[in-house]
């Protein structure tokens, strides 16, 4: 697998460069989570970093390299993701309500 040296900005990993595995499309993952074990049986802390372009080419606007930026609140929830038009929420439930009850089967 290919890896790329990626800069981490902010948080406890500020200024460090780590090799990050690239995906099939040649980009690092959108979020990078670093688990840190806690002493005394406490749950481990997880540091979350979000991917950002390090620089943008002036003519085409394409990203030139990547960096990770610290997210102190943690990873955003699933509701923060973009909604796709062909994936409506609760289609089966809506269809049952329109038909007037449970589907016959």
Protein backbone atom coordinates (compact mmCIF):
# COMPACT_ATOMS: atom_id res chain seq x y z
CA UNK A 1 0.00 0.00 0.00
CA UNK A 2 1.12 3.54 -0.67
CA UNK A 3 1.55 6.06 2.10
CA UNK A 4 2.17 9.79 2.17
CA UNK A 5 3.89 11.90 4.83
CA UNK A 6 1.12 14.14 6.19
CA UNK A 7 1.39 17.18 8.49
CA UNK A 8 -0.77 17.40 11.63
CA UNK A 9 -1.85 20.90 12.74
CA UNK A 10 -3.19 21.76 16.21
CA UNK A 11 -3.86 19.61 19.23
CA UNK A 12 -1.38 17.24 20.81
CA UNK A 13 0.14 16.19 17.45
CA UNK A 14 0.88 19.77 16.32
CA UNK A 15 3.82 19.99 13.92
CA UNK A 16 4.35 16.26 13.57
CA UNK A 17 4.56 14.52 10.22
CA UNK A 18 3.35 10.93 10.06
CA UNK A 19 3.02 8.47 7.16
CA UNK A 20 -0.68 7.94 6.41
CA UNK A 21 -1.96 5.14 4.17
CA UNK A 22 -3.70 6.34 1.00
CA UNK A 23 -6.98 4.97 -0.28
CA UNK A 24 -7.72 3.56 -3.72
CA UNK A 25 -8.24 7.08 -5.08
CA UNK A 26 -4.82 8.31 -3.86
CA UNK A 27 -6.18 10.42 -0.98
CA UNK A 28 -5.77 9.97 2.76
CA UNK A 29 -8.93 9.23 4.80
CA UNK A 30 -11.23 12.19 5.63
CA UNK A 31 -10.83 11.69 9.38
CA UNK A 32 -7.85 10.33 11.27
CA UNK A 33 -8.43 9.07 14.81
CA UNK A 34 -5.57 8.54 17.26
CA UNK A 35 -6.51 6.43 20.32
CA UNK A 36 -4.48 7.19 23.46
CA UNK A 37 -4.69 4.67 26.31
CA UNK A 38 -5.63 6.05 29.72
CA UNK A 39 -4.14 5.01 33.04
CA UNK A 40 -6.13 3.20 35.69
CA UNK A 41 -8.76 1.51 33.53
CA UNK A 42 -10.38 4.74 32.33
CA UNK A 43 -11.72 4.79 28.77
CA UNK A 44 -9.08 5.74 26.21
CA UNK A 45 -9.02 9.26 24.79
CA UNK A 46 -9.41 9.61 21.03
CA UNK A 47 -7.93 12.58 19.18
CA UNK A 48 -9.72 13.34 15.91
CA UNK A 49 -8.17 15.15 12.95
CA UNK A 50 -9.98 16.32 9.78
CA UNK A 51 -8.37 16.32 6.32
CA UNK A 52 -7.74 19.65 4.56
CA UNK A 53 -5.79 20.61 1.45
CA UNK A 54 -2.35 21.96 2.41
CA UNK A 55 -2.27 24.31 -0.59
CA UNK A 56 -4.29 24.93 -3.74
CA UNK A 57 -2.84 25.37 -7.23
CA UNK A 58 -3.54 28.91 -8.49
CA UNK A 59 -4.73 28.11 -12.02
CA UNK A 60 -6.84 24.98 -11.64
CA UNK A 61 -7.74 25.12 -7.95
CA UNK A 62 -6.56 21.55 -7.34
CA UNK A 63 -5.19 20.54 -3.92
CA UNK A 64 -1.41 20.27 -3.58
CA UNK A 65 -0.76 17.96 -0.67
CA UNK A 66 -2.83 17.34 2.42
CA UNK A 67 -2.77 18.12 6.13
CA UNK A 68 -4.85 17.12 9.13
CA UNK A 69 -6.42 19.77 11.39
CA UNK A 70 -7.36 19.00 15.01
CA UNK A 71 -11.08 18.71 15.83
CA UNK A 72 -11.47 19.38 19.59
CA UNK A 73 -15.20 18.44 19.54
CA UNK A 74 -14.50 15.05 18.00
CA UNK A 75 -15.87 13.54 14.84
CA UNK A 76 -19.07 15.15 13.54
CA UNK A 77 -22.19 13.00 13.75
CA UNK A 78 -23.84 11.22 10.88
CA UNK A 79 -26.40 14.03 10.57
CA UNK A 80 -23.66 16.44 9.48
CA UNK A 81 -23.06 14.48 6.27
CA UNK A 82 -24.47 15.64 2.96
CA UNK A 83 -27.90 14.28 2.13
CA UNK A 84 -28.11 12.37 -1.13
CA UNK A 85 -31.35 12.88 -3.06
CA UNK A 86 -31.81 9.18 -3.83
CA UNK A 87 -31.46 8.20 -0.15
CA UNK A 88 -34.52 9.60 1.51
CA UNK A 89 -34.94 9.02 5.24
CA UNK A 90 -37.45 6.32 6.17
CA UNK A 91 -38.86 5.46 2.74
CA UNK A 92 -40.36 2.18 3.94
CA UNK A 93 -42.03 3.86 6.88
CA UNK A 94 -43.51 6.57 4.63
CA UNK A 95 -44.82 3.96 2.18
CA UNK A 96 -46.55 2.07 5.01
CA UNK A 97 -48.19 5.24 6.30
CA UNK A 98 -49.48 6.14 2.83
CA UNK A 99 -50.94 2.66 2.28
CA UNK A 100 -52.82 2.86 5.56
CA UNK A 101 -51.09 0.23 7.68
CA UNK A 102 -48.57 -2.54 7.64
CA UNK A 103 -47.67 -4.16 4.33
CA UNK A 104 -49.26 -7.51 3.59
CA UNK A 105 -46.80 -10.31 3.21
